C-alpha atoms as a PDB file:
ATOM      1  CA  MET A   1      54.548  -7.802   3.977  1.00  0.00           C
ATOM      2  CA  LYS A   2      53.017  -6.607   7.267  1.00  0.00           C
ATOM      3  CA  LYS A   3      52.865  -3.048   5.935  1.00  0.00           C
ATOM      4  CA  LEU A   4      51.211  -4.284   2.745  1.00  0.00           C
ATOM      5  CA  LEU A   5      48.599  -6.263   4.695  1.00  0.00           C
ATOM      6  CA  LEU A   6      47.972  -3.233   6.928  1.00  0.00           C
ATOM      7  CA  LEU A   7      47.475  -1.032   3.880  1.00  0.00           C
ATOM      8  CA  ILE A   8      45.062  -3.518   2.295  1.00  0.00           C
ATOM      9  CA  GLY A   9      43.113  -3.712   5.543  1.00  0.00           C
ATOM     10  CA  LEU A  10      42.936   0.071   5.773  1.00  0.00           C
ATOM     11  CA  LEU A  11      41.727   0.409   2.196  1.00  0.00           C
ATOM     12  CA  THR A  12      39.108  -2.273   2.787  1.00  0.00           C
ATOM     13  CA  THR A  13      37.868  -0.440   5.885  1.00  0.00           C
ATOM     14  CA  LEU A  14      37.700   2.885   4.055  1.00  0.00           C
ATOM     15  CA  SER A  15      35.859   1.250   1.168  1.00  0.00           C
ATOM     16  CA  THR A  16      33.310  -0.219   3.596  1.00  0.00           C
ATOM     17  CA  PHE A  17      32.651   3.154   5.195  1.00  0.00           C
ATOM     18  CA  ALA A  18      32.468   4.896   1.817  1.00  0.00           C
ATOM     19  CA  SER A  19      29.879   2.461   0.541  1.00  0.00           C
ATOM     20  CA  LYS A  20      27.702   2.548   3.656  1.00  0.00           C
ATOM     21  CA  PRO A  21      24.218   3.859   2.767  1.00  0.00           C
ATOM     22  CA  LYS A  22      23.378   7.299   4.139  1.00  0.00           C
ATOM     23  CA  ASN A  23      19.916   6.278   5.282  1.00  0.00           C
ATOM     24  CA  GLN A  24      17.804   3.216   5.905  1.00  0.00           C
ATOM     25  CA  TYR A  25      14.596   2.571   4.028  1.00  0.00           C
ATOM     26  CA  ILE A  26      11.502   0.491   4.512  1.00  0.00           C
ATOM     27  CA  LYS A  27       8.812  -0.627   2.075  1.00  0.00           C
ATOM     28  CA  ILE A  28       5.129  -0.719   2.958  1.00  0.00           C
ATOM     29  CA  LYS A  29       3.092  -2.925   0.654  1.00  0.00           C
ATOM     30  CA  SER A  30      -0.703  -3.172   0.437  1.00  0.00           C
ATOM     31  CA  GLU A  31      -3.261  -4.169  -2.164  1.00  0.00           C
ATOM     32  CA  PHE A  32      -3.389  -0.484  -3.126  1.00  0.00           C
ATOM     33  CA  GLY A  33       0.266  -0.371  -4.064  1.00  0.00           C
ATOM     34  CA  GLU A  34       3.497   0.114  -2.205  1.00  0.00           C
ATOM     35  CA  CYS A  35       5.611   2.978  -0.983  1.00  0.00           C
ATOM     36  CA  ILE A  36       9.257   3.355  -0.024  1.00  0.00           C
ATOM     37  CA  ILE A  37      10.047   5.419   3.058  1.00  0.00           C
ATOM     38  CA  LYS A  38      13.330   6.988   4.072  1.00  0.00           C
ATOM     39  CA  LEU A  39      13.811   6.923   7.846  1.00  0.00           C
ATOM     40  CA  TYR A  40      15.371  10.076   9.257  1.00  0.00           C
ATOM     41  CA  ASN A  41      18.730   9.839  10.998  1.00  0.00           C
ATOM     42  CA  GLU A  42      17.739  12.911  13.025  1.00  0.00           C
ATOM     43  CA  THR A  43      15.252  10.765  14.974  1.00  0.00           C
ATOM     44  CA  PRO A  44      17.363   7.716  15.901  1.00  0.00           C
ATOM     45  CA  LEU A  45      15.110   6.377  18.668  1.00  0.00           C
ATOM     46  CA  HIS A  46      12.093   6.180  16.374  1.00  0.00           C
ATOM     47  CA  ARG A  47      14.174   4.954  13.436  1.00  0.00           C
ATOM     48  CA  ASP A  48      15.782   2.109  15.349  1.00  0.00           C
ATOM     49  CA  ASN A  49      12.538   1.042  17.015  1.00  0.00           C
ATOM     50  CA  PHE A  50      10.711   0.922  13.685  1.00  0.00           C
ATOM     51  CA  LEU A  51      13.517  -1.076  12.099  1.00  0.00           C
ATOM     52  CA  LYS A  52      13.504  -3.580  14.969  1.00  0.00           C
ATOM     53  CA  LEU A  53       9.741  -4.116  14.772  1.00  0.00           C
ATOM     54  CA  THR A  54       9.910  -4.434  10.991  1.00  0.00           C
ATOM     55  CA  LYS A  55      12.732  -6.967  11.200  1.00  0.00           C
ATOM     56  CA  ASP A  56      10.625  -8.983  13.662  1.00  0.00           C
ATOM     57  CA  GLY A  57       7.660  -8.984  11.246  1.00  0.00           C
ATOM     58  CA  TYR A  58       5.591  -7.069  13.804  1.00  0.00           C
ATOM     59  CA  PHE A  59       3.532  -5.133  11.255  1.00  0.00           C
ATOM     60  CA  ASN A  60       2.875  -7.864   8.717  1.00  0.00           C
ATOM     61  CA  GLY A  61      -0.813  -8.661   8.391  1.00  0.00           C
ATOM     62  CA  THR A  62      -1.918  -5.659  10.442  1.00  0.00           C
ATOM     63  CA  LEU A  63      -4.380  -3.087   9.098  1.00  0.00           C
ATOM     64  CA  PHE A  64      -4.528   0.556   8.296  1.00  0.00           C
ATOM     65  CA  HIS A  65      -7.223   0.792  10.928  1.00  0.00           C
ATOM     66  CA  ARG A  66      -7.892   4.557  10.984  1.00  0.00           C
ATOM     67  CA  VAL A  67      -8.299   6.566   7.786  1.00  0.00           C
ATOM     68  CA  ILE A  68      -9.367  10.209   7.461  1.00  0.00           C
ATOM     69  CA  LYS A  69      -9.407  11.796   4.014  1.00  0.00           C
ATOM     70  CA  ASP A  70      -7.281  14.941   3.664  1.00  0.00           C
ATOM     71  CA  PHE A  71      -5.610  14.067   6.956  1.00  0.00           C
ATOM     72  CA  MET A  72      -3.785  10.731   7.348  1.00  0.00           C
ATOM     73  CA  ILE A  73      -3.893   6.930   7.325  1.00  0.00           C
ATOM     74  CA  GLN A  74      -2.901   5.149  10.545  1.00  0.00           C
ATOM     75  CA  GLY A  75      -1.655   1.649  11.317  1.00  0.00           C
ATOM     76  CA  GLY A  76       0.643  -0.324  13.580  1.00  0.00           C
ATOM     77  CA  ASP A  77      -1.904  -1.792  16.006  1.00  0.00           C
ATOM     78  CA  PRO A  78      -1.116  -5.516  16.474  1.00  0.00           C
ATOM     79  CA  ASP A  79      -4.713  -6.075  17.629  1.00  0.00           C
ATOM     80  CA  SER A  80      -5.888  -5.231  14.105  1.00  0.00           C
ATOM     81  CA  ARG A  81      -4.479  -8.488  12.747  1.00  0.00           C
ATOM     82  CA  ASN A  82      -7.515 -10.695  11.938  1.00  0.00           C
ATOM     83  CA  ALA A  83      -9.787  -8.265  13.814  1.00  0.00           C
ATOM     84  CA  LYS A  84     -13.556  -8.656  13.440  1.00  0.00           C
ATOM     85  CA  PRO A  85     -15.317  -5.989  11.365  1.00  0.00           C
ATOM     86  CA  ASP A  86     -16.959  -4.391  14.405  1.00  0.00           C
ATOM     87  CA  SER A  87     -13.811  -4.333  16.562  1.00  0.00           C
ATOM     88  CA  LEU A  88     -12.697  -0.959  17.904  1.00  0.00           C
ATOM     89  CA  LEU A  89      -8.992  -0.648  17.161  1.00  0.00           C
ATOM     90  CA  GLY A  90      -6.195   1.706  18.102  1.00  0.00           C
ATOM     91  CA  GLU A  91      -5.284   0.650  21.634  1.00  0.00           C
ATOM     92  CA  GLY A  92      -2.751  -2.078  20.875  1.00  0.00           C
ATOM     93  CA  GLY A  93       1.021  -1.982  20.867  1.00  0.00           C
ATOM     94  CA  PRO A  94       4.120  -2.913  22.868  1.00  0.00           C
ATOM     95  CA  LYS A  95       4.238  -1.989  26.537  1.00  0.00           C
ATOM     96  CA  TYR A  96       6.570   0.953  26.077  1.00  0.00           C
ATOM     97  CA  THR A  97       6.661   4.431  24.591  1.00  0.00           C
ATOM     98  CA  ILE A  98       9.381   6.366  22.776  1.00  0.00           C
ATOM     99  CA  PRO A  99      10.510   9.818  23.953  1.00  0.00           C
ATOM    100  CA  ALA A 100       9.498  12.613  21.594  1.00  0.00           C
ATOM    101  CA  GLU A 101      12.147  13.627  19.060  1.00  0.00           C
ATOM    102  CA  PHE A 102      10.886  16.956  17.752  1.00  0.00           C
ATOM    103  CA  ARG A 103      13.090  18.653  15.176  1.00  0.00           C
ATOM    104  CA  ASP A 104      12.243  22.057  13.712  1.00  0.00           C
ATOM    105  CA  SER A 105      13.435  20.900  10.288  1.00  0.00           C
ATOM    106  CA  LEU A 106      11.067  17.893  10.281  1.00  0.00           C
ATOM    107  CA  PHE A 107       7.450  18.842   9.762  1.00  0.00           C
ATOM    108  CA  HIS A 108       4.118  17.395   8.672  1.00  0.00           C
ATOM    109  CA  LYS A 109       4.290  17.822   4.910  1.00  0.00           C
ATOM    110  CA  LYS A 110       2.341  15.408   2.739  1.00  0.00           C
ATOM    111  CA  GLY A 111       3.929  11.956   2.692  1.00  0.00           C
ATOM    112  CA  VAL A 112       5.756  11.964   6.013  1.00  0.00           C
ATOM    113  CA  LEU A 113       5.806   9.078   8.467  1.00  0.00           C
ATOM    114  CA  ALA A 114       5.008  10.076  12.052  1.00  0.00           C
ATOM    115  CA  ALA A 115       4.305   8.396  15.372  1.00  0.00           C
ATOM    116  CA  ALA A 116       0.856   8.235  16.927  1.00  0.00           C
ATOM    117  CA  ARG A 117       0.535   8.747  20.677  1.00  0.00           C
ATOM    118  CA  GLU A 118      -1.796   9.148  23.642  1.00  0.00           C
ATOM    119  CA  GLY A 119      -3.345  12.577  24.216  1.00  0.00           C
ATOM    120  CA  ASP A 120      -1.745  15.418  26.170  1.00  0.00           C
ATOM    121  CA  ILE A 121      -3.850  14.954  29.318  1.00  0.00           C
ATOM    122  CA  ILE A 122      -2.375  11.529  30.100  1.00  0.00           C
ATOM    123  CA  ASN A 123       0.794  12.051  28.068  1.00  0.00           C
ATOM    124  CA  PRO A 124       2.065  15.608  28.685  1.00  0.00           C
ATOM    125  CA  GLU A 125       5.568  14.696  27.492  1.00  0.00           C
ATOM    126  CA  LYS A 126       4.101  13.708  24.100  1.00  0.00           C
ATOM    127  CA  ALA A 127       5.860  10.340  24.096  1.00  0.00           C
ATOM    128  CA  SER A 128       5.161   8.233  21.008  1.00  0.00           C
ATOM    129  CA  SER A 129       3.395   4.890  20.777  1.00  0.00           C
ATOM    130  CA  GLY A 130       5.777   1.968  20.564  1.00  0.00           C
ATOM    131  CA  SER A 131       4.325   0.832  17.240  1.00  0.00           C
ATOM    132  CA  GLN A 132       1.424   2.910  15.932  1.00  0.00           C
ATOM    133  CA  PHE A 133       2.215   5.323  13.129  1.00  0.00           C
ATOM    134  CA  TYR A 134       0.543   7.368  10.424  1.00  0.00           C
ATOM    135  CA  LEU A 135       1.273   8.550   6.904  1.00  0.00           C
ATOM    136  CA  VAL A 136       0.192  12.110   6.159  1.00  0.00           C
ATOM    137  CA  GLN A 137      -2.094  12.907   3.252  1.00  0.00           C
ATOM    138  CA  GLY A 138      -3.118  16.361   4.437  1.00  0.00           C
ATOM    139  CA  LYS A 139      -4.328  19.183   2.244  1.00  0.00           C
ATOM    140  CA  VAL A 140      -3.066  22.386   0.644  1.00  0.00           C
ATOM    141  CA  PHE A 141      -3.369  25.556   2.744  1.00  0.00           C
ATOM    142  CA  THR A 142      -3.612  29.266   1.952  1.00  0.00           C
ATOM    143  CA  ASP A 143      -1.672  31.985   3.748  1.00  0.00           C
ATOM    144  CA  GLU A 144      -4.886  33.044   5.475  1.00  0.00           C
ATOM    145  CA  GLN A 145      -5.456  29.522   6.806  1.00  0.00           C
ATOM    146  CA  LEU A 146      -1.872  29.248   8.020  1.00  0.00           C
ATOM    147  CA  ASN A 147      -2.122  32.651   9.704  1.00  0.00           C
ATOM    148  CA  SER A 148      -5.259  31.506  11.487  1.00  0.00           C
ATOM    149  CA  LEU A 149      -3.515  28.326  12.671  1.00  0.00           C
ATOM    150  CA  GLU A 150      -0.633  30.348  14.080  1.00  0.00           C
ATOM    151  CA  GLU A 151      -3.008  32.598  16.008  1.00  0.00           C
ATOM    152  CA  LYS A 152      -5.383  29.952  17.348  1.00  0.00           C
ATOM    153  CA  ARG A 153      -3.558  26.622  17.652  1.00  0.00           C
ATOM    154  CA  LEU A 154       0.186  26.878  17.219  1.00  0.00           C
ATOM    155  CA  LYS A 155       2.752  28.163  19.671  1.00  0.00           C
ATOM    156  CA  HIS A 156       5.216  29.049  16.956  1.00  0.00           C
ATOM    157  CA  LYS A 157       5.501  30.872  13.650  1.00  0.00           C
ATOM    158  CA  ILE A 158       5.642  28.666  10.561  1.00  0.00           C
ATOM    159  CA  PRO A 159       8.914  29.338   8.717  1.00  0.00           C
ATOM    160  CA  ASP A 160       8.517  30.752   5.205  1.00  0.00           C
ATOM    161  CA  TRP A 161      10.085  27.700   3.562  1.00  0.00           C
ATOM    162  CA  GLN A 162       7.640  25.406   5.347  1.00  0.00           C
ATOM    163  CA  ARG A 163       4.750  27.704   4.424  1.00  0.00           C
ATOM    164  CA  LEU A 164       5.671  27.273   0.781  1.00  0.00           C
ATOM    165  CA  VAL A 165       5.452  23.490   1.133  1.00  0.00           C
ATOM    166  CA  TYR A 166       2.095  23.663   2.914  1.00  0.00           C
ATOM    167  CA  LYS A 167       0.775  25.977   0.168  1.00  0.00           C
ATOM    168  CA  THR A 168       1.932  23.750  -2.700  1.00  0.00           C
ATOM    169  CA  ILE A 169       2.328  20.129  -1.592  1.00  0.00           C
ATOM    170  CA  GLY A 170       0.149  20.298   1.509  1.00  0.00           C
ATOM    171  CA  GLY A 171       0.215  18.571   4.860  1.00  0.00           C
ATOM    172  CA  THR A 172      -1.078  18.859   8.433  1.00  0.00           C
ATOM    173  CA  PRO A 173       0.712  21.837  10.036  1.00  0.00           C
ATOM    174  CA  HIS A 174      -1.325  21.761  13.262  1.00  0.00           C
ATOM    175  CA  LEU A 175       0.516  18.549  14.245  1.00  0.00           C
ATOM    176  CA  ASP A 176       3.993  20.110  14.080  1.00  0.00           C
ATOM    177  CA  ARG A 177       5.985  19.935  17.325  1.00  0.00           C
ATOM    178  CA  ASN A 178       3.246  17.782  18.825  1.00  0.00           C
ATOM    179  CA  TYR A 179       3.877  14.433  17.108  1.00  0.00           C
ATOM    180  CA  THR A 180       7.282  13.083  16.100  1.00  0.00           C
ATOM    181  CA  VAL A 181       7.972  12.968  12.365  1.00  0.00           C
ATOM    182  CA  PHE A 182      10.605  10.322  11.616  1.00  0.00           C
ATOM    183  CA  GLY A 183      10.524   9.534   7.894  1.00  0.00           C
ATOM    184  CA  GLU A 184       9.097  10.414   4.504  1.00  0.00           C
ATOM    185  CA  ILE A 185       7.770   8.642   1.430  1.00  0.00           C
ATOM    186  CA  ILE A 186      10.150   8.992  -1.496  1.00  0.00           C
ATOM    187  CA  SER A 187       8.107   6.902  -3.939  1.00  0.00           C
ATOM    188  CA  GLY A 188       4.598   5.482  -4.026  1.00  0.00           C
ATOM    189  CA  LEU A 189       2.728   8.401  -2.487  1.00  0.00           C
ATOM    190  CA  ASP A 190      -0.353   7.465  -4.518  1.00  0.00           C
ATOM    191  CA  MET A 191      -0.877   4.495  -2.178  1.00  0.00           C
ATOM    192  CA  VAL A 192      -1.761   6.927   0.607  1.00  0.00           C
ATOM    193  CA  ASP A 193      -4.194   8.815  -1.623  1.00  0.00           C
ATOM    194  CA  LYS A 194      -5.958   5.599  -2.654  1.00  0.00           C
ATOM    195  CA  ILE A 195      -6.364   4.327   0.894  1.00  0.00           C
ATOM    196  CA  ALA A 196      -7.517   7.745   2.109  1.00  0.00           C
ATOM    197  CA  MET A 197     -10.412   7.593  -0.369  1.00  0.00           C
ATOM    198  CA  LEU A 198     -11.908   4.425   1.133  1.00  0.00           C
ATOM    199  CA  THR A 199     -15.314   4.392   2.788  1.00  0.00           C
ATOM    200  CA  THR A 200     -15.022   4.190   6.581  1.00  0.00           C
ATOM    201  CA  ASP A 201     -17.299   3.440   9.535  1.00  0.00           C
ATOM    202  CA  LYS A 202     -18.102   5.739  12.456  1.00  0.00           C
ATOM    203  CA  ASN A 203     -14.691   4.978  13.997  1.00  0.00           C
ATOM    204  CA  ASN A 204     -12.838   5.904  10.774  1.00  0.00           C
ATOM    205  CA  ARG A 205     -11.961   2.274  10.135  1.00  0.00           C
ATOM    206  CA  PRO A 206     -12.119   1.350   6.442  1.00  0.00           C
ATOM    207  CA  LYS A 207     -15.033  -0.955   5.716  1.00  0.00           C
ATOM    208  CA  GLN A 208     -12.650  -2.831   3.456  1.00  0.00           C
ATOM    209  CA  ASP A 209      -9.711  -4.258   5.424  1.00  0.00           C
ATOM    210  CA  VAL A 210      -6.379  -2.913   4.181  1.00  0.00           C
ATOM    211  CA  LYS A 211      -3.568  -5.211   5.280  1.00  0.00           C
ATOM    212  CA  MET A 212       0.079  -4.247   5.109  1.00  0.00           C
ATOM    213  CA  ASP A 213       3.468  -5.903   4.952  1.00  0.00           C
ATOM    214  CA  ILE A 214       6.564  -3.912   5.871  1.00  0.00           C
ATOM    215  CA  THR A 215      10.108  -4.901   4.945  1.00  0.00           C
ATOM    216  CA  ILE A 216      13.555  -3.331   5.232  1.00  0.00           C
ATOM    217  CA  LEU A 217      15.330  -2.585   1.973  1.00  0.00           C
ATOM    218  CA  LYS A 218      18.552  -4.530   1.558  1.00  0.00           C
ATOM    219  CA  LYS A 219      21.876  -2.730   1.244  1.00  0.00           C
ATOM    220  CA  ARG A 220      22.162  -3.301  -2.502  1.00  0.00           C
ATOM    221  CA  GLU A 221      18.634  -1.951  -2.978  1.00  0.00           C
ATOM    222  CA  VAL A 222      19.455   1.099  -0.877  1.00  0.00           C
ATOM    223  CA  LYS A 223      22.662   1.843  -2.783  1.00  0.00           C
ATOM    224  CA  LYS A 224      20.801   1.630  -6.069  1.00  0.00           C
ATOM    225  CA  LEU A 225      18.027   3.841  -4.711  1.00  0.00           C
ATOM    226  CA  GLU A 226      20.364   6.493  -3.311  1.00  0.00           C
ATOM    227  CA  LYS A 227      22.307   6.558  -6.581  1.00  0.00           C
ATOM    228  CA  ALA A 228      19.052   7.181  -8.459  1.00  0.00           C
ATOM    229  CA  LEU A 229      18.044   9.921  -5.997  1.00  0.00           C
ATOM    230  CA  ALA A 230      21.445  11.588  -6.315  1.00  0.00           C
ATOM    231  CA  SER A 231      21.205  11.613 -10.102  1.00  0.00           C
ATOM    232  CA  GLN A 232      17.787  13.300  -9.858  1.00  0.00           C
ATOM    233  CA  LEU A 233      19.272  16.098  -7.764  1.00  0.00           C
ATOM    234  CA  SER A 234      22.333  16.631  -9.968  1.00  0.00           C
END
């Protein structure tokens, strides 16, 4: 009987591990639609921090307070919640930063989630803001434009496979290895395009407030999602 119970326990444990989702996902919802974002396991500090803040409801009711067409849409400032129209935003957040987690395989293609941060002069280690983030819209580049970036702004050569993405899907290659990328939109990319088209003021704040709610996908939702993604790749 003890051996049987041990075997059942072992099988239960193996089943639990086998069914554990490979990644964790969050959903950002706004009046312009919603998107689902896969958080990268390669950037655990950023992943876990974002999940904690989301679980605490930190982002709910905050704004996409900085929007630049063909570049990105930025949010995560708690001071933006119920902010007056003339308020200058972008300085709020928790009293900590997150160490940079640069990975050569993670780059600024269209649709990625990345962490905002203070500039190099006061932040030479390129540590990320504790809460502020952006979603990349970017633009499509030519080889000539990418060559120029390598010569004038980048300290590295853009790998051929990344070049292909920047020439077809687009992105913001000048941010690579300067800002931590820690997730990517897997559905609902049109939300970014819609918000990026909004009219903004001199501080790049949309004249129309765009509030967000962010939630963590439940395990059953994740399993269903990953099954659908796997079937697309097969």
